[in-house]
Amino acid sequence: MLIYLLRHGLTEYNAQKRYQGQRDIPLSAEGLSQLRRADIDPKVVYITPLQRTAQTARVLFPEAELVVVKDLQEMCFGSFEGKNYVEMEHDADYQAWVQANCESKCPDGERKDDFSNRICSAFSALVDKALADGEELLVILAHGGTQMAAMERYALPRRDYYAWCGPNAGGYVLDAADWAEKRQLHLVKTVQYTKDAEAGV
Protein backbone atom coordinates (compact mmCIF):
# COMPACT_ATOMS: atom_id res chain seq x y z
CA MET A 1 0.00 0.00 0.00
CA LEU A 2 1.12 3.53 -0.77
CA ILE A 3 0.41 6.44 1.58
CA TYR A 4 0.25 10.04 0.38
CA LEU A 5 0.85 12.43 3.30
CA LEU A 6 0.20 15.94 1.98
CA ARG A 7 0.09 19.52 3.22
CA HIS A 8 -2.59 22.07 2.36
CA GLY A 9 -2.06 24.94 -0.08
CA LEU A 10 -0.75 28.42 0.67
CA THR A 11 -2.56 30.77 3.09
CA GLU A 12 -1.93 34.42 3.90
CA TYR A 13 -0.60 33.29 7.27
CA ASN A 14 1.92 31.03 5.50
CA ALA A 15 3.05 33.90 3.31
CA GLN A 16 3.43 36.15 6.36
CA LYS A 17 5.12 33.35 8.37
CA ARG A 18 2.47 33.52 11.07
CA TYR A 19 1.65 30.68 13.41
CA GLN A 20 -1.78 29.58 12.25
CA GLY A 21 -2.10 26.39 14.26
CA GLN A 22 -5.77 25.63 14.85
CA ARG A 23 -7.08 28.95 13.55
CA ASP A 24 -9.42 28.25 10.64
CA ILE A 25 -7.48 30.21 8.04
CA PRO A 26 -8.59 29.76 4.38
CA LEU A 27 -6.31 29.43 1.38
CA SER A 28 -5.22 32.73 -0.10
CA ALA A 29 -6.33 33.65 -3.63
CA GLU A 30 -2.75 32.99 -4.74
CA GLY A 31 -2.65 29.66 -2.94
CA LEU A 32 -5.90 28.51 -4.53
CA SER A 33 -4.80 29.59 -8.04
CA GLN A 34 -1.51 27.70 -7.68
CA LEU A 35 -3.15 24.32 -7.12
CA ARG A 36 -3.55 21.65 -9.80
CA ARG A 37 -5.31 18.32 -9.91
CA ALA A 38 -3.26 15.43 -8.56
CA ASP A 39 -2.10 12.47 -10.63
CA ILE A 40 -4.02 9.94 -8.52
CA ASP A 41 -7.77 9.46 -7.97
CA PRO A 42 -8.45 8.11 -4.48
CA LYS A 43 -11.97 7.24 -3.44
CA VAL A 44 -11.46 8.83 -0.03
CA VAL A 45 -9.18 11.60 1.23
CA TYR A 46 -8.73 12.16 4.96
CA ILE A 47 -8.64 15.85 5.94
CA THR A 48 -8.90 17.93 9.13
CA PRO A 49 -11.69 20.21 10.39
CA LEU A 50 -9.74 23.27 9.19
CA GLN A 51 -11.04 24.60 5.89
CA ARG A 52 -7.64 24.97 4.23
CA THR A 53 -7.39 21.18 3.99
CA ALA A 54 -10.84 20.77 2.42
CA GLN A 55 -10.22 23.62 -0.04
CA THR A 56 -6.98 22.00 -1.17
CA ALA A 57 -8.48 18.52 -1.40
CA ARG A 58 -11.36 19.69 -3.61
CA VAL A 59 -8.89 20.89 -6.25
CA LEU A 60 -6.38 18.03 -6.00
CA PHE A 61 -8.99 15.26 -5.70
CA PRO A 62 -12.32 16.57 -7.06
CA GLU A 63 -13.95 13.13 -7.20
CA ALA A 64 -12.96 11.97 -3.71
CA GLU A 65 -15.10 11.69 -0.61
CA LEU A 66 -13.59 13.93 2.10
CA VAL A 67 -13.53 12.43 5.59
CA VAL A 68 -12.63 14.67 8.56
CA VAL A 69 -10.28 13.31 11.22
CA LYS A 70 -10.13 15.86 14.04
CA ASP A 71 -6.94 14.58 15.67
CA LEU A 72 -4.90 15.13 12.50
CA GLN A 73 -5.26 18.91 12.79
CA GLU A 74 -2.30 21.21 13.33
CA MET A 75 -0.66 21.87 16.67
CA CYS A 76 -2.34 24.40 18.95
CA PHE A 77 0.17 27.23 19.40
CA GLY A 78 -2.01 28.97 22.00
CA SER A 79 -1.25 32.66 22.47
CA PHE A 80 1.34 32.56 19.65
CA GLU A 81 -1.31 31.96 16.98
CA GLY A 82 -1.86 34.84 14.58
CA LYS A 83 1.62 36.27 15.22
CA ASN A 84 4.99 35.84 13.56
CA TYR A 85 8.46 35.69 15.06
CA VAL A 86 9.18 39.36 14.29
CA GLU A 87 6.15 40.47 16.30
CA MET A 88 7.21 38.26 19.22
CA GLU A 89 10.93 39.01 19.35
CA HIS A 90 10.45 40.71 22.76
CA ASP A 91 7.86 38.26 24.07
CA ALA A 92 9.46 36.44 27.03
CA ASP A 93 7.17 33.41 26.71
CA TYR A 94 7.99 33.05 23.02
CA GLN A 95 11.73 33.44 23.56
CA ALA A 96 11.64 30.79 26.28
CA TRP A 97 9.77 28.44 23.97
CA VAL A 98 12.32 28.96 21.17
CA GLN A 99 15.19 28.42 23.62
CA ALA A 100 13.57 25.08 24.52
CA ASN A 101 13.70 24.10 20.81
CA CYS A 102 9.94 24.74 20.62
CA GLU A 103 9.37 21.59 22.68
CA SER A 104 7.94 23.14 25.84
CA LYS A 105 4.23 23.88 26.19
CA CYS A 106 2.93 26.91 24.30
CA PRO A 107 0.98 29.26 26.62
CA ASP A 108 -2.65 28.07 26.35
CA GLY A 109 -1.49 25.58 23.69
CA GLU A 110 0.09 22.16 23.23
CA ARG A 111 3.45 20.66 24.05
CA LYS A 112 5.26 19.18 21.03
CA ASP A 113 5.37 15.65 22.51
CA ASP A 114 1.64 15.69 23.23
CA PHE A 115 0.92 16.99 19.75
CA SER A 116 3.10 14.30 18.13
CA ASN A 117 1.40 11.57 20.15
CA ARG A 118 -2.03 12.85 19.09
CA ILE A 119 -1.04 12.91 15.42
CA CYS A 120 0.66 9.53 15.45
CA SER A 121 -2.26 7.85 17.20
CA ALA A 122 -4.71 9.11 14.56
CA PHE A 123 -2.31 8.45 11.68
CA SER A 124 -1.44 4.89 12.72
CA ALA A 125 -5.13 4.06 13.16
CA LEU A 126 -5.78 5.11 9.55
CA VAL A 127 -2.86 3.04 8.27
CA ASP A 128 -3.97 -0.01 10.27
CA LYS A 129 -7.53 0.28 8.96
CA ALA A 130 -6.48 0.77 5.35
CA LEU A 131 -4.24 -2.28 5.47
CA ALA A 132 -6.92 -4.37 7.19
CA ASP A 133 -9.39 -3.34 4.48
CA GLY A 134 -6.96 -4.32 1.72
CA GLU A 135 -6.62 -0.79 0.38
CA GLU A 136 -3.84 -0.03 -2.10
CA LEU A 137 -3.86 3.71 -1.44
CA LEU A 138 -4.26 5.94 1.62
CA VAL A 139 -4.37 9.72 1.12
CA ILE A 140 -4.13 12.15 4.03
CA LEU A 141 -4.21 15.89 3.38
CA ALA A 142 -3.43 17.82 6.53
CA HIS A 143 -0.77 20.23 7.82
CA GLY A 144 2.97 20.76 8.04
CA GLY A 145 2.97 19.73 11.67
CA THR A 146 1.02 16.57 10.83
CA GLN A 147 3.71 15.63 8.32
CA MET A 148 6.56 16.36 10.71
CA ALA A 149 5.11 14.33 13.58
CA ALA A 150 4.24 11.24 11.53
CA MET A 151 7.38 11.30 9.39
CA GLU A 152 9.75 11.74 12.33
CA ARG A 153 8.26 8.74 14.11
CA TYR A 154 7.64 6.33 11.25
CA ALA A 155 9.57 7.25 8.09
CA LEU A 156 12.82 5.86 6.76
CA PRO A 157 15.35 7.33 6.21
CA ARG A 158 15.29 8.88 9.69
CA ARG A 159 15.22 12.67 9.83
CA ASP A 160 14.68 15.32 12.47
CA TYR A 161 11.14 16.57 13.08
CA TYR A 162 11.71 19.97 11.48
CA ALA A 163 13.37 18.47 8.39
CA TRP A 164 10.05 16.89 7.41
CA CYS A 165 7.97 20.05 6.90
CA GLY A 166 6.97 19.82 3.25
CA PRO A 167 6.03 22.75 1.02
CA ASN A 168 2.44 23.91 0.64
CA ALA A 169 0.47 21.52 -1.60
CA GLY A 170 3.34 19.05 -1.39
CA GLY A 171 4.30 16.03 0.60
CA TYR A 172 5.47 12.46 0.74
CA VAL A 173 4.65 9.11 -0.81
CA LEU A 174 5.38 6.21 1.54
CA ASP A 175 5.49 2.43 1.13
CA ALA A 176 3.72 0.59 3.95
CA ALA A 177 5.16 -2.89 3.23
CA ASP A 178 6.94 -3.04 6.61
CA TRP A 179 4.24 -1.34 8.64
CA ALA A 180 2.54 -4.39 10.15
CA GLU A 181 5.81 -5.97 11.32
CA LYS A 182 8.03 -3.00 12.09
CA ARG A 183 5.79 0.11 12.27
CA GLN A 184 8.04 1.65 9.63
CA LEU A 185 7.30 3.44 6.35
CA HIS A 186 9.76 3.83 3.50
CA LEU A 187 9.94 7.13 1.65
CA VAL A 188 9.31 6.50 -2.06
CA LYS A 189 9.27 10.07 -3.40
CA THR A 190 8.11 13.61 -2.80
CA VAL A 191 5.24 15.21 -4.71
CA GLN A 192 4.17 18.79 -5.39
CA TYR A 193 0.71 19.68 -6.72
CA THR A 194 1.22 23.26 -7.85
CA LYS A 195 1.19 24.53 -11.42
CA ASP A 196 4.72 25.88 -11.24
CA ALA A 197 6.02 22.47 -10.09
CA GLU A 198 4.21 20.78 -12.99
CA ALA A 199 5.80 23.23 -15.43
CA GLY A 200 9.21 22.67 -13.91
CA VAL A 201 9.64 26.29 -12.83
C-alpha atoms as a PDB file:
ATOM      1  CA  MET A   1       0.000   0.000   0.000  1.00  0.00           C
ATOM      2  CA  LEU A   2       1.116   3.533  -0.769  1.00  0.00           C
ATOM      3  CA  ILE A   3       0.412   6.436   1.579  1.00  0.00           C
ATOM      4  CA  TYR A   4       0.249  10.043   0.381  1.00  0.00           C
ATOM      5  CA  LEU A   5       0.845  12.427   3.304  1.00  0.00           C
ATOM      6  CA  LEU A   6       0.202  15.935   1.977  1.00  0.00           C
ATOM      7  CA  ARG A   7       0.092  19.522   3.216  1.00  0.00           C
ATOM      8  CA  HIS A   8      -2.592  22.074   2.364  1.00  0.00           C
ATOM      9  CA  GLY A   9      -2.058  24.936  -0.083  1.00  0.00           C
ATOM     10  CA  LEU A  10      -0.745  28.418   0.671  1.00  0.00           C
ATOM     11  CA  THR A  11      -2.558  30.768   3.090  1.00  0.00           C
ATOM     12  CA  GLU A  12      -1.933  34.421   3.896  1.00  0.00           C
ATOM     13  CA  TYR A  13      -0.601  33.289   7.271  1.00  0.00           C
ATOM     14  CA  ASN A  14       1.917  31.026   5.500  1.00  0.00           C
ATOM     15  CA  ALA A  15       3.047  33.902   3.307  1.00  0.00           C
ATOM     16  CA  GLN A  16       3.432  36.150   6.363  1.00  0.00           C
ATOM     17  CA  LYS A  17       5.119  33.347   8.368  1.00  0.00           C
ATOM     18  CA  ARG A  18       2.466  33.521  11.072  1.00  0.00           C
ATOM     19  CA  TYR A  19       1.649  30.681  13.415  1.00  0.00           C
ATOM     20  CA  GLN A  20      -1.780  29.580  12.253  1.00  0.00           C
ATOM     21  CA  GLY A  21      -2.104  26.388  14.255  1.00  0.00           C
ATOM     22  CA  GLN A  22      -5.771  25.630  14.850  1.00  0.00           C
ATOM     23  CA  ARG A  23      -7.085  28.948  13.546  1.00  0.00           C
ATOM     24  CA  ASP A  24      -9.416  28.245  10.640  1.00  0.00           C
ATOM     25  CA  ILE A  25      -7.478  30.209   8.035  1.00  0.00           C
ATOM     26  CA  PRO A  26      -8.591  29.762   4.378  1.00  0.00           C
ATOM     27  CA  LEU A  27      -6.312  29.427   1.381  1.00  0.00           C
ATOM     28  CA  SER A  28      -5.221  32.733  -0.104  1.00  0.00           C
ATOM     29  CA  ALA A  29      -6.332  33.648  -3.630  1.00  0.00           C
ATOM     30  CA  GLU A  30      -2.754  32.991  -4.737  1.00  0.00           C
ATOM     31  CA  GLY A  31      -2.654  29.662  -2.935  1.00  0.00           C
ATOM     32  CA  LEU A  32      -5.898  28.514  -4.533  1.00  0.00           C
ATOM     33  CA  SER A  33      -4.802  29.585  -8.035  1.00  0.00           C
ATOM     34  CA  GLN A  34      -1.506  27.700  -7.675  1.00  0.00           C
ATOM     35  CA  LEU A  35      -3.151  24.317  -7.123  1.00  0.00           C
ATOM     36  CA  ARG A  36      -3.550  21.648  -9.801  1.00  0.00           C
ATOM     37  CA  ARG A  37      -5.310  18.321  -9.907  1.00  0.00           C
ATOM     38  CA  ALA A  38      -3.263  15.428  -8.559  1.00  0.00           C
ATOM     39  CA  ASP A  39      -2.100  12.475 -10.628  1.00  0.00           C
ATOM     40  CA  ILE A  40      -4.019   9.943  -8.515  1.00  0.00           C
ATOM     41  CA  ASP A  41      -7.767   9.460  -7.975  1.00  0.00           C
ATOM     42  CA  PRO A  42      -8.445   8.114  -4.481  1.00  0.00           C
ATOM     43  CA  LYS A  43     -11.973   7.243  -3.442  1.00  0.00           C
ATOM     44  CA  VAL A  44     -11.462   8.831  -0.031  1.00  0.00           C
ATOM     45  CA  VAL A  45      -9.182  11.605   1.234  1.00  0.00           C
ATOM     46  CA  TYR A  46      -8.735  12.165   4.961  1.00  0.00           C
ATOM     47  CA  ILE A  47      -8.644  15.850   5.944  1.00  0.00           C
ATOM     48  CA  THR A  48      -8.896  17.927   9.132  1.00  0.00           C
ATOM     49  CA  PRO A  49     -11.694  20.207  10.389  1.00  0.00           C
ATOM     50  CA  LEU A  50      -9.742  23.266   9.191  1.00  0.00           C
ATOM     51  CA  GLN A  51     -11.044  24.604   5.886  1.00  0.00           C
ATOM     52  CA  ARG A  52      -7.643  24.974   4.235  1.00  0.00           C
ATOM     53  CA  THR A  53      -7.388  21.181   3.989  1.00  0.00           C
ATOM     54  CA  ALA A  54     -10.839  20.769   2.415  1.00  0.00           C
ATOM     55  CA  GLN A  55     -10.219  23.624  -0.039  1.00  0.00           C
ATOM     56  CA  THR A  56      -6.982  22.000  -1.170  1.00  0.00           C
ATOM     57  CA  ALA A  57      -8.481  18.519  -1.401  1.00  0.00           C
ATOM     58  CA  ARG A  58     -11.360  19.694  -3.606  1.00  0.00           C
ATOM     59  CA  VAL A  59      -8.885  20.888  -6.245  1.00  0.00           C
ATOM     60  CA  LEU A  60      -6.385  18.030  -6.005  1.00  0.00           C
ATOM     61  CA  PHE A  61      -8.991  15.265  -5.698  1.00  0.00           C
ATOM     62  CA  PRO A  62     -12.323  16.570  -7.059  1.00  0.00           C
ATOM     63  CA  GLU A  63     -13.952  13.128  -7.205  1.00  0.00           C
ATOM     64  CA  ALA A  64     -12.957  11.974  -3.712  1.00  0.00           C
ATOM     65  CA  GLU A  65     -15.097  11.691  -0.607  1.00  0.00           C
ATOM     66  CA  LEU A  66     -13.589  13.925   2.098  1.00  0.00           C
ATOM     67  CA  VAL A  67     -13.531  12.431   5.590  1.00  0.00           C
ATOM     68  CA  VAL A  68     -12.632  14.670   8.555  1.00  0.00           C
ATOM     69  CA  VAL A  69     -10.275  13.311  11.224  1.00  0.00           C
ATOM     70  CA  LYS A  70     -10.126  15.865  14.040  1.00  0.00           C
ATOM     71  CA  ASP A  71      -6.945  14.580  15.670  1.00  0.00           C
ATOM     72  CA  LEU A  72      -4.905  15.129  12.496  1.00  0.00           C
ATOM     73  CA  GLN A  73      -5.257  18.912  12.787  1.00  0.00           C
ATOM     74  CA  GLU A  74      -2.305  21.211  13.333  1.00  0.00           C
ATOM     75  CA  MET A  75      -0.661  21.869  16.674  1.00  0.00           C
ATOM     76  CA  CYS A  76      -2.336  24.402  18.955  1.00  0.00           C
ATOM     77  CA  PHE A  77       0.169  27.229  19.402  1.00  0.00           C
ATOM     78  CA  GLY A  78      -2.005  28.974  22.000  1.00  0.00           C
ATOM     79  CA  SER A  79      -1.248  32.660  22.467  1.00  0.00           C
ATOM     80  CA  PHE A  80       1.340  32.558  19.648  1.00  0.00           C
ATOM     81  CA  GLU A  81      -1.308  31.958  16.978  1.00  0.00           C
ATOM     82  CA  GLY A  82      -1.856  34.842  14.576  1.00  0.00           C
ATOM     83  CA  LYS A  83       1.619  36.266  15.218  1.00  0.00           C
ATOM     84  CA  ASN A  84       4.995  35.837  13.557  1.00  0.00           C
ATOM     85  CA  TYR A  85       8.456  35.686  15.061  1.00  0.00           C
ATOM     86  CA  VAL A  86       9.183  39.360  14.292  1.00  0.00           C
ATOM     87  CA  GLU A  87       6.152  40.472  16.303  1.00  0.00           C
ATOM     88  CA  MET A  88       7.210  38.258  19.220  1.00  0.00           C
ATOM     89  CA  GLU A  89      10.932  39.013  19.354  1.00  0.00           C
ATOM     90  CA  HIS A  90      10.452  40.715  22.758  1.00  0.00           C
ATOM     91  CA  ASP A  91       7.855  38.258  24.067  1.00  0.00           C
ATOM     92  CA  ALA A  92       9.456  36.442  27.030  1.00  0.00           C
ATOM     93  CA  ASP A  93       7.167  33.406  26.707  1.00  0.00           C
ATOM     94  CA  TYR A  94       7.988  33.051  23.019  1.00  0.00           C
ATOM     95  CA  GLN A  95      11.728  33.445  23.556  1.00  0.00           C
ATOM     96  CA  ALA A  96      11.645  30.792  26.279  1.00  0.00           C
ATOM     97  CA  TRP A  97       9.768  28.438  23.966  1.00  0.00           C
ATOM     98  CA  VAL A  98      12.316  28.963  21.174  1.00  0.00           C
ATOM     99  CA  GLN A  99      15.192  28.418  23.623  1.00  0.00           C
ATOM    100  CA  ALA A 100      13.567  25.084  24.518  1.00  0.00           C
ATOM    101  CA  ASN A 101      13.704  24.096  20.815  1.00  0.00           C
ATOM    102  CA  CYS A 102       9.944  24.738  20.621  1.00  0.00           C
ATOM    103  CA  GLU A 103       9.368  21.593  22.679  1.00  0.00           C
ATOM    104  CA  SER A 104       7.941  23.135  25.840  1.00  0.00           C
ATOM    105  CA  LYS A 105       4.228  23.880  26.188  1.00  0.00           C
ATOM    106  CA  CYS A 106       2.926  26.909  24.304  1.00  0.00           C
ATOM    107  CA  PRO A 107       0.983  29.263  26.617  1.00  0.00           C
ATOM    108  CA  ASP A 108      -2.645  28.066  26.346  1.00  0.00           C
ATOM    109  CA  GLY A 109      -1.493  25.584  23.692  1.00  0.00           C
ATOM    110  CA  GLU A 110       0.091  22.161  23.232  1.00  0.00           C
ATOM    111  CA  ARG A 111       3.446  20.661  24.050  1.00  0.00           C
ATOM    112  CA  LYS A 112       5.256  19.184  21.030  1.00  0.00           C
ATOM    113  CA  ASP A 113       5.365  15.653  22.508  1.00  0.00           C
ATOM    114  CA  ASP A 114       1.636  15.688  23.234  1.00  0.00           C
ATOM    115  CA  PHE A 115       0.921  16.989  19.746  1.00  0.00           C
ATOM    116  CA  SER A 116       3.102  14.296  18.132  1.00  0.00           C
ATOM    117  CA  ASN A 117       1.404  11.569  20.153  1.00  0.00           C
ATOM    118  CA  ARG A 118      -2.032  12.853  19.087  1.00  0.00           C
ATOM    119  CA  ILE A 119      -1.043  12.910  15.419  1.00  0.00           C
ATOM    120  CA  CYS A 120       0.659   9.533  15.453  1.00  0.00           C
ATOM    121  CA  SER A 121      -2.265   7.848  17.198  1.00  0.00           C
ATOM    122  CA  ALA A 122      -4.707   9.112  14.557  1.00  0.00           C
ATOM    123  CA  PHE A 123      -2.307   8.447  11.678  1.00  0.00           C
ATOM    124  CA  SER A 124      -1.442   4.894  12.721  1.00  0.00           C
ATOM    125  CA  ALA A 125      -5.129   4.059  13.162  1.00  0.00           C
ATOM    126  CA  LEU A 126      -5.781   5.110   9.554  1.00  0.00           C
ATOM    127  CA  VAL A 127      -2.858   3.042   8.273  1.00  0.00           C
ATOM    128  CA  ASP A 128      -3.969  -0.006  10.270  1.00  0.00           C
ATOM    129  CA  LYS A 129      -7.531   0.279   8.961  1.00  0.00           C
ATOM    130  CA  ALA A 130      -6.476   0.774   5.347  1.00  0.00           C
ATOM    131  CA  LEU A 131      -4.244  -2.281   5.473  1.00  0.00           C
ATOM    132  CA  ALA A 132      -6.925  -4.374   7.192  1.00  0.00           C
ATOM    133  CA  ASP A 133      -9.391  -3.342   4.475  1.00  0.00           C
ATOM    134  CA  GLY A 134      -6.963  -4.324   1.717  1.00  0.00           C
ATOM    135  CA  GLU A 135      -6.625  -0.791   0.376  1.00  0.00           C
ATOM    136  CA  GLU A 136      -3.842  -0.034  -2.098  1.00  0.00           C
ATOM    137  CA  LEU A 137      -3.857   3.706  -1.442  1.00  0.00           C
ATOM    138  CA  LEU A 138      -4.256   5.939   1.624  1.00  0.00           C
ATOM    139  CA  VAL A 139      -4.373   9.716   1.117  1.00  0.00           C
ATOM    140  CA  ILE A 140      -4.133  12.147   4.033  1.00  0.00           C
ATOM    141  CA  LEU A 141      -4.207  15.891   3.379  1.00  0.00           C
ATOM    142  CA  ALA A 142      -3.431  17.822   6.532  1.00  0.00           C
ATOM    143  CA  HIS A 143      -0.773  20.234   7.819  1.00  0.00           C
ATOM    144  CA  GLY A 144       2.970  20.762   8.036  1.00  0.00           C
ATOM    145  CA  GLY A 145       2.974  19.725  11.675  1.00  0.00           C
ATOM    146  CA  THR A 146       1.024  16.569  10.832  1.00  0.00           C
ATOM    147  CA  GLN A 147       3.708  15.627   8.319  1.00  0.00           C
ATOM    148  CA  MET A 148       6.555  16.356  10.709  1.00  0.00           C
ATOM    149  CA  ALA A 149       5.115  14.327  13.582  1.00  0.00           C
ATOM    150  CA  ALA A 150       4.244  11.237  11.529  1.00  0.00           C
ATOM    151  CA  MET A 151       7.378  11.295   9.387  1.00  0.00           C
ATOM    152  CA  GLU A 152       9.751  11.737  12.332  1.00  0.00           C
ATOM    153  CA  ARG A 153       8.265   8.738  14.114  1.00  0.00           C
ATOM    154  CA  TYR A 154       7.638   6.328  11.254  1.00  0.00           C
ATOM    155  CA  ALA A 155       9.572   7.246   8.094  1.00  0.00           C
ATOM    156  CA  LEU A 156      12.822   5.855   6.761  1.00  0.00           C
ATOM    157  CA  PRO A 157      15.350   7.333   6.210  1.00  0.00           C
ATOM    158  CA  ARG A 158      15.288   8.882   9.687  1.00  0.00           C
ATOM    159  CA  ARG A 159      15.224  12.670   9.833  1.00  0.00           C
ATOM    160  CA  ASP A 160      14.685  15.320  12.469  1.00  0.00           C
ATOM    161  CA  TYR A 161      11.140  16.574  13.084  1.00  0.00           C
ATOM    162  CA  TYR A 162      11.714  19.969  11.482  1.00  0.00           C
ATOM    163  CA  ALA A 163      13.365  18.474   8.392  1.00  0.00           C
ATOM    164  CA  TRP A 164      10.050  16.888   7.413  1.00  0.00           C
ATOM    165  CA  CYS A 165       7.967  20.047   6.900  1.00  0.00           C
ATOM    166  CA  GLY A 166       6.969  19.820   3.255  1.00  0.00           C
ATOM    167  CA  PRO A 167       6.032  22.753   1.021  1.00  0.00           C
ATOM    168  CA  ASN A 168       2.439  23.908   0.636  1.00  0.00           C
ATOM    169  CA  ALA A 169       0.465  21.518  -1.600  1.00  0.00           C
ATOM    170  CA  GLY A 170       3.337  19.050  -1.392  1.00  0.00           C
ATOM    171  CA  GLY A 171       4.300  16.035   0.600  1.00  0.00           C
ATOM    172  CA  TYR A 172       5.471  12.463   0.737  1.00  0.00           C
ATOM    173  CA  VAL A 173       4.654   9.105  -0.807  1.00  0.00           C
ATOM    174  CA  LEU A 174       5.376   6.214   1.544  1.00  0.00           C
ATOM    175  CA  ASP A 175       5.495   2.429   1.130  1.00  0.00           C
ATOM    176  CA  ALA A 176       3.721   0.589   3.952  1.00  0.00           C
ATOM    177  CA  ALA A 177       5.160  -2.894   3.228  1.00  0.00           C
ATOM    178  CA  ASP A 178       6.944  -3.045   6.607  1.00  0.00           C
ATOM    179  CA  TRP A 179       4.235  -1.344   8.637  1.00  0.00           C
ATOM    180  CA  ALA A 180       2.543  -4.393  10.150  1.00  0.00           C
ATOM    181  CA  GLU A 181       5.806  -5.974  11.322  1.00  0.00           C
ATOM    182  CA  LYS A 182       8.033  -3.001  12.093  1.00  0.00           C
ATOM    183  CA  ARG A 183       5.789   0.113  12.267  1.00  0.00           C
ATOM    184  CA  GLN A 184       8.041   1.654   9.629  1.00  0.00           C
ATOM    185  CA  LEU A 185       7.298   3.439   6.354  1.00  0.00           C
ATOM    186  CA  HIS A 186       9.763   3.828   3.497  1.00  0.00           C
ATOM    187  CA  LEU A 187       9.937   7.127   1.645  1.00  0.00           C
ATOM    188  CA  VAL A 188       9.314   6.504  -2.064  1.00  0.00           C
ATOM    189  CA  LYS A 189       9.272  10.065  -3.401  1.00  0.00           C
ATOM    190  CA  THR A 190       8.106  13.608  -2.804  1.00  0.00           C
ATOM    191  CA  VAL A 191       5.237  15.212  -4.714  1.00  0.00           C
ATOM    192  CA  GLN A 192       4.168  18.794  -5.392  1.00  0.00           C
ATOM    193  CA  TYR A 193       0.712  19.678  -6.715  1.00  0.00           C
ATOM    194  CA  THR A 194       1.217  23.263  -7.848  1.00  0.00           C
ATOM    195  CA  LYS A 195       1.187  24.525 -11.418  1.00  0.00           C
ATOM    196  CA  ASP A 196       4.724  25.885 -11.244  1.00  0.00           C
ATOM    197  CA  ALA A 197       6.022  22.468 -10.093  1.00  0.00           C
ATOM    198  CA  GLU A 198       4.212  20.785 -12.994  1.00  0.00           C
ATOM    199  CA  ALA A 199       5.799  23.233 -15.434  1.00  0.00           C
ATOM    200  CA  GLY A 200       9.211  22.673 -13.911  1.00  0.00           C
ATOM    201  CA  VAL A 201       9.641  26.294 -12.833  1.00  0.00           C
END
